[in-house]
Amino acid sequence: MEGEIPLVGTKLSLRWPVLEDSARIFELAANPSVLDRVALPSPYELHHAETWLALLPGLRGEGKEFHWAIVPHGSDELVGVVGLMLSPANEWAEVGY
């Protein structure tokens, strides 16, 4: 599953986020409009992105959370992240970005 591009659209693709995305996530998280919409630690530091990215494969493997890096065609640099969080025991699912 790792390394696959799970979803491909006409202008964007979704791929699994990788540790190499940490600097870009850190950069995007520095934008005040992002911080207004997303619950992130403040101040958001590079190690926060690295820690989060390191957790994602395990969460996917457990079937709890699935996060995708949003990338424009012709580039591998993410422009955002979208996630699906599942809790079958509590009968809910949440999509977040």
PDB file of N, CA and C in Angstrom:
ATOM      1  N   MET A   1       0.821  -1.186   0.000  1.00  0.00           N
ATOM      2  CA  MET A   1       0.000   0.000   0.000  1.00  0.00           C
ATOM      3  C   MET A   1       0.868   1.253   0.000  1.00  0.00           C
ATOM      4  N   GLU A   2       1.977   1.255   0.720  1.00  0.00           N
ATOM      5  CA  GLU A   2       2.862   2.407   0.754  1.00  0.00           C
ATOM      6  C   GLU A   2       3.424   2.640  -0.640  1.00  0.00           C
ATOM      7  N   GLY A   3       3.519   3.891  -1.038  1.00  0.00           N
ATOM      8  CA  GLY A   3       4.057   4.223  -2.329  1.00  0.00           C
ATOM      9  C   GLY A   3       3.012   4.314  -3.428  1.00  0.00           C
ATOM     10  N   GLU A   4       1.836   3.756  -3.217  1.00  0.00           N
ATOM     11  CA  GLU A   4       0.775   3.845  -4.214  1.00  0.00           C
ATOM     12  C   GLU A   4       0.168   5.241  -4.198  1.00  0.00           C
ATOM     13  N   ILE A   5      -0.370   5.654  -5.325  1.00  0.00           N
ATOM     14  CA  ILE A   5      -1.202   6.856  -5.352  1.00  0.00           C
ATOM     15  C   ILE A   5      -2.634   6.360  -5.266  1.00  0.00           C
ATOM     16  N   PRO A   6      -3.261   6.513  -4.095  1.00  0.00           N
ATOM     17  CA  PRO A   6      -4.571   5.910  -3.911  1.00  0.00           C
ATOM     18  C   PRO A   6      -5.691   6.541  -4.731  1.00  0.00           C
ATOM     19  N   LEU A   7      -5.625   7.833  -4.996  1.00  0.00           N
ATOM     20  CA  LEU A   7      -6.726   8.512  -5.689  1.00  0.00           C
ATOM     21  C   LEU A   7      -6.163   9.524  -6.683  1.00  0.00           C
ATOM     22  N   VAL A   8      -6.659   9.482  -7.910  1.00  0.00           N
ATOM     23  CA  VAL A   8      -6.187  10.397  -8.948  1.00  0.00           C
ATOM     24  C   VAL A   8      -7.394  11.086  -9.568  1.00  0.00           C
ATOM     25  N   GLY A   9      -7.366  12.426  -9.585  1.00  0.00           N
ATOM     26  CA  GLY A   9      -8.431  13.202 -10.206  1.00  0.00           C
ATOM     27  C   GLY A   9      -7.932  13.865 -11.475  1.00  0.00           C
ATOM     28  N   THR A  10      -8.703  14.804 -11.996  1.00  0.00           N
ATOM     29  CA  THR A  10      -8.315  15.465 -13.238  1.00  0.00           C
ATOM     30  C   THR A  10      -7.240  16.525 -13.038  1.00  0.00           C
ATOM     31  N   LYS A  11      -7.178  17.126 -11.851  1.00  0.00           N
ATOM     32  CA  LYS A  11      -6.177  18.163 -11.578  1.00  0.00           C
ATOM     33  C   LYS A  11      -5.314  17.864 -10.368  1.00  0.00           C
ATOM     34  N   LEU A  12      -5.806  17.023  -9.472  1.00  0.00           N
ATOM     35  CA  LEU A  12      -5.105  16.720  -8.225  1.00  0.00           C
ATOM     36  C   LEU A  12      -5.022  15.220  -8.026  1.00  0.00           C
ATOM     37  N   SER A  13      -4.028  14.822  -7.257  1.00  0.00           N
ATOM     38  CA  SER A  13      -3.918  13.431  -6.817  1.00  0.00           C
ATOM     39  C   SER A  13      -3.827  13.421  -5.305  1.00  0.00           C
ATOM     40  N   LEU A  14      -4.218  12.317  -4.718  1.00  0.00           N
ATOM     41  CA  LEU A  14      -4.059  12.107  -3.286  1.00  0.00           C
ATOM     42  C   LEU A  14      -3.084  10.958  -3.110  1.00  0.00           C
ATOM     43  N   ARG A  15      -2.077  11.182  -2.291  1.00  0.00           N
ATOM     44  CA  ARG A  15      -1.092  10.149  -1.991  1.00  0.00           C
ATOM     45  C   ARG A  15      -0.886  10.113  -0.490  1.00  0.00           C
ATOM     46  N   TRP A  16      -0.271   9.039  -0.019  1.00  0.00           N
ATOM     47  CA  TRP A  16       0.021   8.961   1.411  1.00  0.00           C
ATOM     48  C   TRP A  16       1.056  10.024   1.773  1.00  0.00           C
ATOM     49  N   PRO A  17       0.852  10.741   2.863  1.00  0.00           N
ATOM     50  CA  PRO A  17       1.885  11.665   3.335  1.00  0.00           C
ATOM     51  C   PRO A  17       3.106  10.878   3.806  1.00  0.00           C
ATOM     52  N   VAL A  18       4.271  11.456   3.608  1.00  0.00           N
ATOM     53  CA  VAL A  18       5.528  10.824   4.013  1.00  0.00           C
ATOM     54  C   VAL A  18       6.342  11.809   4.843  1.00  0.00           C
ATOM     55  N   LEU A  19       7.321  11.290   5.562  1.00  0.00           N
ATOM     56  CA  LEU A  19       8.137  12.123   6.445  1.00  0.00           C
ATOM     57  C   LEU A  19       8.773  13.290   5.690  1.00  0.00           C
ATOM     58  N   GLU A  20       9.085  13.086   4.426  1.00  0.00           N
ATOM     59  CA  GLU A  20       9.678  14.165   3.623  1.00  0.00           C
ATOM     60  C   GLU A  20       8.723  15.342   3.438  1.00  0.00           C
ATOM     61  N   ASP A  21       7.459  15.177   3.750  1.00  0.00           N
ATOM     62  CA  ASP A  21       6.477  16.266   3.674  1.00  0.00           C
ATOM     63  C   ASP A  21       6.499  17.170   4.902  1.00  0.00           C
ATOM     64  N   SER A  22       7.276  16.818   5.910  1.00  0.00           N
ATOM     65  CA  SER A  22       7.201  17.545   7.183  1.00  0.00           C
ATOM     66  C   SER A  22       7.526  19.027   7.031  1.00  0.00           C
ATOM     67  N   ALA A  23       8.540  19.386   6.254  1.00  0.00           N
ATOM     68  CA  ALA A  23       8.888  20.802   6.099  1.00  0.00           C
ATOM     69  C   ALA A  23       7.761  21.566   5.409  1.00  0.00           C
ATOM     70  N   ARG A  24       7.126  20.955   4.420  1.00  0.00           N
ATOM     71  CA  ARG A  24       6.024  21.620   3.712  1.00  0.00           C
ATOM     72  C   ARG A  24       4.803  21.773   4.621  1.00  0.00           C
ATOM     73  N   ILE A  25       4.511  20.756   5.418  1.00  0.00           N
ATOM     74  CA  ILE A  25       3.397  20.862   6.363  1.00  0.00           C
ATOM     75  C   ILE A  25       3.685  21.959   7.379  1.00  0.00           C
ATOM     76  N   PHE A  26       4.909  22.015   7.862  1.00  0.00           N
ATOM     77  CA  PHE A  26       5.318  23.070   8.790  1.00  0.00           C
ATOM     78  C   PHE A  26       5.131  24.443   8.137  1.00  0.00           C
ATOM     79  N   GLU A  27       5.534  24.567   6.888  1.00  0.00           N
ATOM     80  CA  GLU A  27       5.390  25.831   6.158  1.00  0.00           C
ATOM     81  C   GLU A  27       3.919  26.230   6.024  1.00  0.00           C
ATOM     82  N   LEU A  28       3.082  25.294   5.630  1.00  0.00           N
ATOM     83  CA  LEU A  28       1.655  25.592   5.472  1.00  0.00           C
ATOM     84  C   LEU A  28       1.001  25.925   6.810  1.00  0.00           C
ATOM     85  N   ALA A  29       1.426  25.259   7.871  1.00  0.00           N
ATOM     86  CA  ALA A  29       0.840  25.487   9.196  1.00  0.00           C
ATOM     87  C   ALA A  29       1.191  26.861   9.748  1.00  0.00           C
ATOM     88  N   ALA A  30       2.205  27.505   9.191  1.00  0.00           N
ATOM     89  CA  ALA A  30       2.579  28.844   9.646  1.00  0.00           C
ATOM     90  C   ALA A  30       1.614  29.910   9.130  1.00  0.00           C
ATOM     91  N   ASN A  31       0.763  29.552   8.187  1.00  0.00           N
ATOM     92  CA  ASN A  31      -0.199  30.489   7.623  1.00  0.00           C
ATOM     93  C   ASN A  31      -1.312  30.734   8.645  1.00  0.00           C
ATOM     94  N   PRO A  32      -1.533  31.990   9.052  1.00  0.00           N
ATOM     95  CA  PRO A  32      -2.566  32.273  10.055  1.00  0.00           C
ATOM     96  C   PRO A  32      -3.958  31.775   9.666  1.00  0.00           C
ATOM     97  N   SER A  33      -4.295  31.789   8.380  1.00  0.00           N
ATOM     98  CA  SER A  33      -5.626  31.321   7.987  1.00  0.00           C
ATOM     99  C   SER A  33      -5.769  29.817   8.190  1.00  0.00           C
ATOM    100  N   VAL A  34      -4.676  29.086   8.114  1.00  0.00           N
ATOM    101  CA  VAL A  34      -4.711  27.648   8.409  1.00  0.00           C
ATOM    102  C   VAL A  34      -4.926  27.450   9.904  1.00  0.00           C
ATOM    103  N   LEU A  35      -4.185  28.180  10.701  1.00  0.00           N
ATOM    104  CA  LEU A  35      -4.298  28.044  12.158  1.00  0.00           C
ATOM    105  C   LEU A  35      -5.686  28.419  12.662  1.00  0.00           C
ATOM    106  N   ASP A  36      -6.385  29.305  11.949  1.00  0.00           N
ATOM    107  CA  ASP A  36      -7.745  29.680  12.335  1.00  0.00           C
ATOM    108  C   ASP A  36      -8.749  28.555  12.105  1.00  0.00           C
ATOM    109  N   ARG A  37      -8.419  27.617  11.212  1.00  0.00           N
ATOM    110  CA  ARG A  37      -9.377  26.584  10.811  1.00  0.00           C
ATOM    111  C   ARG A  37      -9.041  25.183  11.300  1.00  0.00           C
ATOM    112  N   VAL A  38      -7.818  24.983  11.720  1.00  0.00           N
ATOM    113  CA  VAL A  38      -7.360  23.636  12.075  1.00  0.00           C
ATOM    114  C   VAL A  38      -6.804  23.651  13.496  1.00  0.00           C
ATOM    115  N   ALA A  39      -7.151  22.650  14.275  1.00  0.00           N
ATOM    116  CA  ALA A  39      -6.647  22.549  15.648  1.00  0.00           C
ATOM    117  C   ALA A  39      -5.213  22.018  15.609  1.00  0.00           C
ATOM    118  N   LEU A  40      -4.257  22.926  15.727  1.00  0.00           N
ATOM    119  CA  LEU A  40      -2.839  22.569  15.738  1.00  0.00           C
ATOM    120  C   LEU A  40      -2.196  23.163  16.978  1.00  0.00           C
ATOM    121  N   PRO A  41      -1.109  22.558  17.450  1.00  0.00           N
ATOM    122  CA  PRO A  41      -0.382  23.160  18.566  1.00  0.00           C
ATOM    123  C   PRO A  41       0.115  24.553  18.164  1.00  0.00           C
ATOM    124  N   SER A  42       0.176  25.437  19.124  1.00  0.00           N
ATOM    125  CA  SER A  42       0.693  26.772  18.861  1.00  0.00           C
ATOM    126  C   SER A  42       1.747  27.118  19.907  1.00  0.00           C
ATOM    127  N   PRO A  43       2.946  27.429  19.507  1.00  0.00           N
ATOM    128  CA  PRO A  43       3.392  27.519  18.124  1.00  0.00           C
ATOM    129  C   PRO A  43       3.576  26.126  17.517  1.00  0.00           C
ATOM    130  N   TYR A  44       3.311  26.018  16.222  1.00  0.00           N
ATOM    131  CA  TYR A  44       3.489  24.760  15.497  1.00  0.00           C
ATOM    132  C   TYR A  44       4.942  24.689  15.058  1.00  0.00           C
ATOM    133  N   GLU A  45       5.606  23.610  15.443  1.00  0.00           N
ATOM    134  CA  GLU A  45       7.028  23.451  15.144  1.00  0.00           C
ATOM    135  C   GLU A  45       7.239  22.244  14.242  1.00  0.00           C
ATOM    136  N   LEU A  46       8.399  22.191  13.623  1.00  0.00           N
ATOM    137  CA  LEU A  46       8.711  21.120  12.677  1.00  0.00           C
ATOM    138  C   LEU A  46       8.537  19.744  13.302  1.00  0.00           C
ATOM    139  N   HIS A  47       8.917  19.590  14.553  1.00  0.00           N
ATOM    140  CA  HIS A  47       8.804  18.272  15.185  1.00  0.00           C
ATOM    141  C   HIS A  47       7.351  17.825  15.323  1.00  0.00           C
ATOM    142  N   HIS A  48       6.407  18.763  15.380  1.00  0.00           N
ATOM    143  CA  HIS A  48       4.991  18.380  15.417  1.00  0.00           C
ATOM    144  C   HIS A  48       4.608  17.665  14.120  1.00  0.00           C
ATOM    145  N   ALA A  49       5.028  18.213  12.991  1.00  0.00           N
ATOM    146  CA  ALA A  49       4.739  17.581  11.698  1.00  0.00           C
ATOM    147  C   ALA A  49       5.428  16.225  11.601  1.00  0.00           C
ATOM    148  N   GLU A  50       6.669  16.149  12.017  1.00  0.00           N
ATOM    149  CA  GLU A  50       7.416  14.886  11.947  1.00  0.00           C
ATOM    150  C   GLU A  50       6.766  13.807  12.807  1.00  0.00           C
ATOM    151  N   THR A  51       6.350  14.169  14.006  1.00  0.00           N
ATOM    152  CA  THR A  51       5.705  13.208  14.907  1.00  0.00           C
ATOM    153  C   THR A  51       4.384  12.727  14.324  1.00  0.00           C
ATOM    154  N   TRP A  52       3.583  13.652  13.816  1.00  0.00           N
ATOM    155  CA  TRP A  52       2.293  13.291  13.229  1.00  0.00           C
ATOM    156  C   TRP A  52       2.480  12.363  12.033  1.00  0.00           C
ATOM    157  N   LEU A  53       3.393  12.711  11.152  1.00  0.00           N
ATOM    158  CA  LEU A  53       3.635  11.882   9.966  1.00  0.00           C
ATOM    159  C   LEU A  53       4.115  10.484  10.342  1.00  0.00           C
ATOM    160  N   ALA A  54       4.903  10.377  11.397  1.00  0.00           N
ATOM    161  CA  ALA A  54       5.394   9.065  11.838  1.00  0.00           C
ATOM    162  C   ALA A  54       4.263   8.186  12.368  1.00  0.00           C
ATOM    163  N   LEU A  55       3.205   8.793  12.882  1.00  0.00           N
ATOM    164  CA  LEU A  55       2.067   8.038  13.421  1.00  0.00           C
ATOM    165  C   LEU A  55       1.121   7.506  12.343  1.00  0.00           C
ATOM    166  N   LEU A  56       1.100   8.133  11.185  1.00  0.00           N
ATOM    167  CA  LEU A  56       0.082   7.827  10.178  1.00  0.00           C
ATOM    168  C   LEU A  56       0.077   6.388   9.673  1.00  0.00           C
ATOM    169  N   PRO A  57       1.221   5.777   9.362  1.00  0.00           N
ATOM    170  CA  PRO A  57       1.159   4.382   8.885  1.00  0.00           C
ATOM    171  C   PRO A  57       0.507   3.435   9.894  1.00  0.00           C
ATOM    172  N   GLY A  58       0.780   3.616  11.169  1.00  0.00           N
ATOM    173  CA  GLY A  58       0.167   2.778  12.198  1.00  0.00           C
ATOM    174  C   GLY A  58      -1.331   2.987  12.292  1.00  0.00           C
ATOM    175  N   LEU A  59      -1.770   4.240  12.215  1.00  0.00           N
ATOM    176  CA  LEU A  59      -3.203   4.542  12.264  1.00  0.00           C
ATOM    177  C   LEU A  59      -3.926   3.955  11.057  1.00  0.00           C
ATOM    178  N   ARG A  60      -3.275   4.026   9.878  1.00  0.00           N
ATOM    179  CA  ARG A  60      -3.853   3.396   8.682  1.00  0.00           C
ATOM    180  C   ARG A  60      -3.945   1.894   8.871  1.00  0.00           C
ATOM    181  N   GLY A  61      -2.878   1.296   9.387  1.00  0.00           N
ATOM    182  CA  GLY A  61      -2.849  -0.144   9.588  1.00  0.00           C
ATOM    183  C   GLY A  61      -3.922  -0.629  10.545  1.00  0.00           C
ATOM    184  N   GLU A  62      -4.265   0.206  11.521  1.00  0.00           N
ATOM    185  CA  GLU A  62      -5.313  -0.135  12.487  1.00  0.00           C
ATOM    186  C   GLU A  62      -6.707   0.172  11.948  1.00  0.00           C
ATOM    187  N   GLY A  63      -6.783   0.824  10.790  1.00  0.00           N
ATOM    188  CA  GLY A  63      -8.078   1.189  10.217  1.00  0.00           C
ATOM    189  C   GLY A  63      -8.758   2.328  10.941  1.00  0.00           C
ATOM    190  N   LYS A  64      -7.984   3.137  11.690  1.00  0.00           N
ATOM    191  CA  LYS A  64      -8.567   4.230  12.475  1.00  0.00           C
ATOM    192  C   LYS A  64      -8.580   5.558  11.731  1.00  0.00           C
ATOM    193  N   GLU A  65      -7.500   5.844  11.026  1.00  0.00           N
ATOM    194  CA  GLU A  65      -7.381   7.129  10.343  1.00  0.00           C
ATOM    195  C   GLU A  65      -6.677   6.932   9.012  1.00  0.00           C
ATOM    196  N   PHE A  66      -7.161   7.665   8.022  1.00  0.00           N
ATOM    197  CA  PHE A  66      -6.561   7.649   6.697  1.00  0.00           C
ATOM    198  C   PHE A  66      -6.367   9.097   6.273  1.00  0.00           C
ATOM    199  N   HIS A  67      -5.142   9.483   6.022  1.00  0.00           N
ATOM    200  CA  HIS A  67      -4.822  10.853   5.625  1.00  0.00           C
ATOM    201  C   HIS A  67      -4.126  10.813   4.278  1.00  0.00           C
ATOM    202  N   TRP A  68      -4.459  11.780   3.433  1.00  0.00           N
ATOM    203  CA  TRP A  68      -3.849  11.867   2.116  1.00  0.00           C
ATOM    204  C   TRP A  68      -3.259  13.252   1.916  1.00  0.00           C
ATOM    205  N   ALA A  69      -2.095  13.289   1.280  1.00  0.00           N
ATOM    206  CA  ALA A  69      -1.502  14.543   0.834  1.00  0.00           C
ATOM    207  C   ALA A  69      -2.167  14.916  -0.483  1.00  0.00           C
ATOM    208  N   ILE A  70      -2.583  16.159  -0.594  1.00  0.00           N
ATOM    209  CA  ILE A  70      -3.186  16.670  -1.822  1.00  0.00           C
ATOM    210  C   ILE A  70      -2.059  17.268  -2.656  1.00  0.00           C
ATOM    211  N   VAL A  71      -1.876  16.751  -3.867  1.00  0.00           N
ATOM    212  CA  VAL A  71      -0.792  17.234  -4.730  1.00  0.00           C
ATOM    213  C   VAL A  71      -1.336  17.531  -6.128  1.00  0.00           C
ATOM    214  N   PRO A  72      -0.925  18.666  -6.718  1.00  0.00           N
ATOM    215  CA  PRO A  72      -1.342  18.955  -8.086  1.00  0.00           C
ATOM    216  C   PRO A  72      -0.621  18.031  -9.066  1.00  0.00           C
ATOM    217  N   HIS A  73      -1.266  17.737 -10.183  1.00  0.00           N
ATOM    218  CA  HIS A  73      -0.617  16.914 -11.203  1.00  0.00           C
ATOM    219  C   HIS A  73       0.672  17.591 -11.659  1.00  0.00           C
ATOM    220  N   GLY A  74       1.682  16.807 -11.893  1.00  0.00           N
ATOM    221  CA  GLY A  74       2.966  17.321 -12.337  1.00  0.00           C
ATOM    222  C   GLY A  74       3.873  17.734 -11.200  1.00  0.00           C
ATOM    223  N   SER A  75       3.428  17.530  -9.970  1.00  0.00           N
ATOM    224  CA  SER A  75       4.222  17.898  -8.798  1.00  0.00           C
ATOM    225  C   SER A  75       4.032  16.839  -7.726  1.00  0.00           C
ATOM    226  N   ASP A  76       5.007  16.731  -6.854  1.00  0.00           N
ATOM    227  CA  ASP A  76       4.844  15.845  -5.706  1.00  0.00           C
ATOM    228  C   ASP A  76       4.735  16.652  -4.412  1.00  0.00           C
ATOM    229  N   GLU A  77       4.778  18.000  -4.519  1.00  0.00           N
ATOM    230  CA  GLU A  77       4.718  18.851  -3.332  1.00  0.00           C
ATOM    231  C   GLU A  77       3.273  19.031  -2.890  1.00  0.00           C
ATOM    232  N   LEU A  78       3.001  18.695  -1.652  1.00  0.00           N
ATOM    233  CA  LEU A  78       1.626  18.779  -1.173  1.00  0.00           C
ATOM    234  C   LEU A  78       1.175  20.217  -1.022  1.00  0.00           C
ATOM    235  N   VAL A  79      -0.101  20.428  -1.291  1.00  0.00           N
ATOM    236  CA  VAL A  79      -0.722  21.740  -1.116  1.00  0.00           C
ATOM    237  C   VAL A  79      -1.738  21.701   0.015  1.00  0.00           C
ATOM    238  N   GLY A  80      -1.963  20.517   0.569  1.00  0.00           N
ATOM    239  CA  GLY A  80      -2.888  20.349   1.675  1.00  0.00           C
ATOM    240  C   GLY A  80      -2.979  18.891   2.063  1.00  0.00           C
ATOM    241  N   VAL A  81      -3.768  18.637   3.075  1.00  0.00           N
ATOM    242  CA  VAL A  81      -3.974  17.276   3.577  1.00  0.00           C
ATOM    243  C   VAL A  81      -5.458  17.112   3.866  1.00  0.00           C
ATOM    244  N   VAL A  82      -5.984  15.948   3.566  1.00  0.00           N
ATOM    245  CA  VAL A  82      -7.357  15.612   3.912  1.00  0.00           C
ATOM    246  C   VAL A  82      -7.321  14.282   4.656  1.00  0.00           C
ATOM    247  N   GLY A  83      -8.187  14.134   5.640  1.00  0.00           N
ATOM    248  CA  GLY A  83      -8.180  12.911   6.431  1.00  0.00           C
ATOM    249  C   GLY A  83      -9.570  12.365   6.689  1.00  0.00           C
ATOM    250  N   LEU A  84      -9.617  11.077   6.900  1.00  0.00           N
ATOM    251  CA  LEU A  84     -10.842  10.380   7.279  1.00  0.00           C
ATOM    252  C   LEU A  84     -10.552   9.651   8.578  1.00  0.00           C
ATOM    253  N   MET A  85     -11.269  10.003   9.638  1.00  0.00           N
ATOM    254  CA  MET A  85     -11.120   9.373  10.944  1.00  0.00           C
ATOM    255  C   MET A  85     -12.355   8.526  11.200  1.00  0.00           C
ATOM    256  N   LEU A  86     -12.138   7.281  11.618  1.00  0.00           N
ATOM    257  CA  LEU A  86     -13.230   6.330  11.816  1.00  0.00           C
ATOM    258  C   LEU A  86     -13.285   5.844  13.253  1.00  0.00           C
ATOM    259  N   SER A  87     -14.492   5.690  13.760  1.00  0.00           N
ATOM    260  CA  SER A  87     -14.709   5.082  15.063  1.00  0.00           C
ATOM    261  C   SER A  87     -15.924   4.165  14.967  1.00  0.00           C
ATOM    262  N   PRO A  88     -15.727   2.939  14.451  1.00  0.00           N
ATOM    263  CA  PRO A  88     -16.860   2.015  14.329  1.00  0.00           C
ATOM    264  C   PRO A  88     -17.539   1.738  15.668  1.00  0.00           C
ATOM    265  N   ALA A  89     -16.762   1.667  16.740  1.00  0.00           N
ATOM    266  CA  ALA A  89     -17.340   1.382  18.053  1.00  0.00           C
ATOM    267  C   ALA A  89     -18.330   2.464  18.468  1.00  0.00           C
ATOM    268  N   ASN A  90     -18.037   3.708  18.101  1.00  0.00           N
ATOM    269  CA  ASN A  90     -18.923   4.823  18.439  1.00  0.00           C
ATOM    270  C   ASN A  90     -19.834   5.210  17.281  1.00  0.00           C
ATOM    271  N   GLU A  91     -19.732   4.476  16.191  1.00  0.00           N
ATOM    272  CA  GLU A  91     -20.566   4.675  15.008  1.00  0.00           C
ATOM    273  C   GLU A  91     -20.470   6.090  14.443  1.00  0.00           C
ATOM    274  N   TRP A  92     -19.236   6.573  14.280  1.00  0.00           N
ATOM    275  CA  TRP A  92     -19.062   7.870  13.646  1.00  0.00           C
ATOM    276  C   TRP A  92     -17.830   7.863  12.757  1.00  0.00           C
ATOM    277  N   ALA A  93     -17.845   8.786  11.823  1.00  0.00           N
ATOM    278  CA  ALA A  93     -16.705   9.041  10.946  1.00  0.00           C
ATOM    279  C   ALA A  93     -16.608  10.549  10.764  1.00  0.00           C
ATOM    280  N   GLU A  94     -15.400  11.029  10.545  1.00  0.00           N
ATOM    281  CA  GLU A  94     -15.186  12.463  10.388  1.00  0.00           C
ATOM    282  C   GLU A  94     -14.191  12.692   9.264  1.00  0.00           C
ATOM    283  N   VAL A  95     -14.490  13.654   8.415  1.00  0.00           N
ATOM    284  CA  VAL A  95     -13.559  14.077   7.379  1.00  0.00           C
ATOM    285  C   VAL A  95     -13.004  15.420   7.812  1.00  0.00           C
ATOM    286  N   GLY A  96     -11.709  15.572   7.723  1.00  0.00           N
ATOM    287  CA  GLY A  96     -11.078  16.825   8.118  1.00  0.00           C
ATOM    288  C   GLY A  96      -9.987  17.198   7.142  1.00  0.00           C
ATOM    289  N   TYR A  97      -9.571  18.448   7.219  1.00  0.00           N
ATOM    290  CA  TYR A  97      -8.502  18.927   6.353  1.00  0.00           C
ATOM    291  C   TYR A  97      -7.574  19.809   7.151  1.00  0.00           C
TER     292      TYR A  97
END
